[in-house]
Amino acid sequence: MTAIHPKIFVDEKGTPKEVLISWEEYQGLVETLGLDLDEESQKDLIEAKKDLEAGSWDAFVDIDEL
């Protein structure tokens, strides 16, 4: 796992307001969160999550079968 080294900017009361991270860290977060997926892949991911939450394992493939 990559360590994230943010710089946190706070207001005069000490409340965090903004975070600055490197471009590489940002790209890693985008990829990890799936924000870089095309629309069809996003829909597939949402459907897979629904199947998982419903306990429907039929849609999943055992990794040993790949």
N, C-alpha and C. Protein backbone atom coordinates (compact mmCIF):
# COMPACT_ATOMS: atom_id res chain seq x y z
N MET A 1 0.85 -1.18 0.00
CA MET A 1 0.00 0.00 0.00
C MET A 1 0.89 1.24 0.00
N THR A 2 0.50 2.23 -0.73
CA THR A 2 1.26 3.46 -0.83
C THR A 2 0.89 4.39 0.32
N ALA A 3 1.89 4.98 0.93
CA ALA A 3 1.63 5.96 1.98
C ALA A 3 1.30 7.30 1.32
N ILE A 4 0.29 7.95 1.85
CA ILE A 4 -0.11 9.26 1.33
C ILE A 4 0.43 10.32 2.28
N HIS A 5 1.09 11.31 1.72
CA HIS A 5 1.70 12.37 2.51
C HIS A 5 1.00 13.69 2.20
N PRO A 6 -0.17 13.92 2.81
CA PRO A 6 -0.91 15.14 2.49
C PRO A 6 -0.39 16.35 3.26
N LYS A 7 -0.63 17.50 2.71
CA LYS A 7 -0.44 18.76 3.42
C LYS A 7 -1.85 19.26 3.68
N ILE A 8 -2.16 19.50 4.94
CA ILE A 8 -3.51 19.91 5.32
C ILE A 8 -3.51 21.39 5.64
N PHE A 9 -4.41 22.11 5.01
CA PHE A 9 -4.56 23.54 5.24
C PHE A 9 -5.77 23.76 6.14
N VAL A 10 -5.58 24.54 7.19
CA VAL A 10 -6.65 24.79 8.16
C VAL A 10 -7.00 26.27 8.18
N ASP A 11 -8.22 26.56 8.66
CA ASP A 11 -8.62 27.95 8.80
C ASP A 11 -8.11 28.49 10.14
N GLU A 12 -8.49 29.71 10.45
CA GLU A 12 -8.00 30.37 11.67
C GLU A 12 -8.44 29.66 12.94
N LYS A 13 -9.47 28.81 12.86
CA LYS A 13 -9.94 28.06 14.03
C LYS A 13 -9.30 26.67 14.10
N GLY A 14 -8.46 26.36 13.14
CA GLY A 14 -7.81 25.05 13.12
C GLY A 14 -8.62 23.96 12.44
N THR A 15 -9.71 24.34 11.79
CA THR A 15 -10.55 23.37 11.09
C THR A 15 -9.95 23.05 9.73
N PRO A 16 -9.73 21.76 9.44
CA PRO A 16 -9.18 21.40 8.12
C PRO A 16 -10.11 21.88 7.00
N LYS A 17 -9.52 22.52 5.99
CA LYS A 17 -10.30 23.06 4.87
C LYS A 17 -9.89 22.49 3.52
N GLU A 18 -8.62 22.22 3.33
CA GLU A 18 -8.12 21.72 2.05
C GLU A 18 -6.98 20.75 2.30
N VAL A 19 -6.80 19.85 1.33
CA VAL A 19 -5.70 18.89 1.39
C VAL A 19 -4.95 18.94 0.07
N LEU A 20 -3.64 18.96 0.15
CA LEU A 20 -2.79 18.96 -1.04
C LEU A 20 -2.02 17.65 -1.05
N ILE A 21 -2.16 16.90 -2.16
CA ILE A 21 -1.40 15.66 -2.33
C ILE A 21 -0.71 15.71 -3.68
N SER A 22 0.28 14.86 -3.85
CA SER A 22 1.00 14.85 -5.13
C SER A 22 0.09 14.29 -6.23
N TRP A 23 0.45 14.58 -7.47
CA TRP A 23 -0.30 14.08 -8.62
C TRP A 23 -0.33 12.56 -8.63
N GLU A 24 0.80 11.94 -8.32
CA GLU A 24 0.88 10.48 -8.31
C GLU A 24 -0.06 9.89 -7.26
N GLU A 25 -0.11 10.52 -6.08
CA GLU A 25 -1.01 10.04 -5.04
C GLU A 25 -2.47 10.20 -5.47
N TYR A 26 -2.77 11.33 -6.11
CA TYR A 26 -4.13 11.56 -6.62
C TYR A 26 -4.51 10.50 -7.65
N GLN A 27 -3.62 10.24 -8.60
CA GLN A 27 -3.89 9.23 -9.63
C GLN A 27 -4.12 7.86 -8.99
N GLY A 28 -3.34 7.52 -7.97
CA GLY A 28 -3.51 6.26 -7.27
C GLY A 28 -4.87 6.17 -6.60
N LEU A 29 -5.31 7.25 -5.98
CA LEU A 29 -6.63 7.27 -5.35
C LEU A 29 -7.74 7.12 -6.38
N VAL A 30 -7.61 7.81 -7.50
CA VAL A 30 -8.60 7.73 -8.57
C VAL A 30 -8.73 6.29 -9.05
N GLU A 31 -7.59 5.63 -9.25
CA GLU A 31 -7.60 4.25 -9.72
C GLU A 31 -8.18 3.31 -8.66
N THR A 32 -7.75 3.48 -7.42
CA THR A 32 -8.23 2.63 -6.33
C THR A 32 -9.73 2.74 -6.14
N LEU A 33 -10.25 3.95 -6.24
CA LEU A 33 -11.68 4.18 -6.03
C LEU A 33 -12.51 3.88 -7.27
N GLY A 34 -11.86 3.59 -8.38
CA GLY A 34 -12.58 3.28 -9.61
C GLY A 34 -13.14 4.49 -10.31
N LEU A 35 -12.62 5.66 -10.00
CA LEU A 35 -13.14 6.88 -10.61
C LEU A 35 -12.71 7.04 -12.06
N ASP A 36 -11.74 6.22 -12.48
CA ASP A 36 -11.25 6.30 -13.85
C ASP A 36 -11.94 5.29 -14.78
N LEU A 37 -12.96 4.61 -14.27
CA LEU A 37 -13.65 3.60 -15.06
C LEU A 37 -14.61 4.24 -16.05
N ASP A 38 -14.79 3.58 -17.20
CA ASP A 38 -15.78 4.07 -18.15
C ASP A 38 -17.18 3.75 -17.60
N GLU A 39 -18.19 4.31 -18.23
CA GLU A 39 -19.56 4.20 -17.73
C GLU A 39 -20.03 2.75 -17.60
N GLU A 40 -19.72 1.92 -18.59
CA GLU A 40 -20.14 0.52 -18.56
C GLU A 40 -19.47 -0.23 -17.40
N SER A 41 -18.19 0.03 -17.19
CA SER A 41 -17.48 -0.62 -16.09
C SER A 41 -18.02 -0.17 -14.74
N GLN A 42 -18.39 1.10 -14.63
CA GLN A 42 -18.99 1.60 -13.39
C GLN A 42 -20.30 0.88 -13.10
N LYS A 43 -21.13 0.70 -14.15
CA LYS A 43 -22.40 -0.02 -13.97
C LYS A 43 -22.15 -1.46 -13.56
N ASP A 44 -21.16 -2.11 -14.18
CA ASP A 44 -20.82 -3.49 -13.82
C ASP A 44 -20.40 -3.58 -12.36
N LEU A 45 -19.61 -2.62 -11.91
CA LEU A 45 -19.14 -2.61 -10.53
C LEU A 45 -20.30 -2.42 -9.55
N ILE A 46 -21.24 -1.55 -9.89
CA ILE A 46 -22.42 -1.33 -9.05
C ILE A 46 -23.26 -2.60 -8.98
N GLU A 47 -23.46 -3.26 -10.11
CA GLU A 47 -24.22 -4.51 -10.13
C GLU A 47 -23.53 -5.60 -9.31
N ALA A 48 -22.22 -5.67 -9.42
CA ALA A 48 -21.47 -6.67 -8.65
C ALA A 48 -21.63 -6.42 -7.15
N LYS A 49 -21.60 -5.17 -6.76
CA LYS A 49 -21.78 -4.82 -5.34
C LYS A 49 -23.18 -5.22 -4.87
N LYS A 50 -24.18 -4.96 -5.70
CA LYS A 50 -25.55 -5.35 -5.35
C LYS A 50 -25.67 -6.86 -5.20
N ASP A 51 -25.05 -7.61 -6.13
CA ASP A 51 -25.07 -9.07 -6.05
C ASP A 51 -24.40 -9.55 -4.76
N LEU A 52 -23.28 -8.95 -4.44
CA LEU A 52 -22.55 -9.33 -3.23
C LEU A 52 -23.39 -9.07 -1.98
N GLU A 53 -24.01 -7.89 -1.91
CA GLU A 53 -24.84 -7.53 -0.76
C GLU A 53 -26.07 -8.43 -0.65
N ALA A 54 -26.58 -8.91 -1.79
CA ALA A 54 -27.75 -9.78 -1.80
C ALA A 54 -27.38 -11.24 -1.55
N GLY A 55 -26.08 -11.52 -1.49
CA GLY A 55 -25.64 -12.89 -1.27
C GLY A 55 -25.70 -13.75 -2.51
N SER A 56 -25.79 -13.13 -3.67
CA SER A 56 -25.86 -13.86 -4.94
C SER A 56 -24.45 -14.07 -5.47
N TRP A 57 -23.94 -15.28 -5.28
CA TRP A 57 -22.58 -15.59 -5.68
C TRP A 57 -22.51 -16.14 -7.10
N ASP A 58 -23.64 -16.33 -7.76
CA ASP A 58 -23.66 -16.87 -9.12
C ASP A 58 -22.92 -15.99 -10.12
N ALA A 59 -22.89 -14.70 -9.86
CA ALA A 59 -22.27 -13.77 -10.80
C ALA A 59 -20.75 -13.73 -10.67
N PHE A 60 -20.22 -14.35 -9.62
CA PHE A 60 -18.79 -14.30 -9.36
C PHE A 60 -18.11 -15.57 -9.84
N VAL A 61 -16.87 -15.44 -10.27
CA VAL A 61 -16.08 -16.56 -10.76
C VAL A 61 -14.95 -16.81 -9.77
N ASP A 62 -14.74 -18.07 -9.44
CA ASP A 62 -13.62 -18.43 -8.57
C ASP A 62 -12.32 -18.10 -9.29
N ILE A 63 -11.41 -17.47 -8.60
CA ILE A 63 -10.17 -17.05 -9.23
C ILE A 63 -9.38 -18.23 -9.79
N ASP A 64 -9.54 -19.40 -9.20
CA ASP A 64 -8.85 -20.59 -9.70
C ASP A 64 -9.39 -21.03 -11.06
N GLU A 65 -10.60 -20.58 -11.41
CA GLU A 65 -11.20 -20.95 -12.68
C GLU A 65 -10.74 -20.05 -13.83
N LEU A 66 -10.06 -18.99 -13.51
CA LEU A 66 -9.62 -18.04 -14.56
C LEU A 66 -8.45 -18.53 -15.31
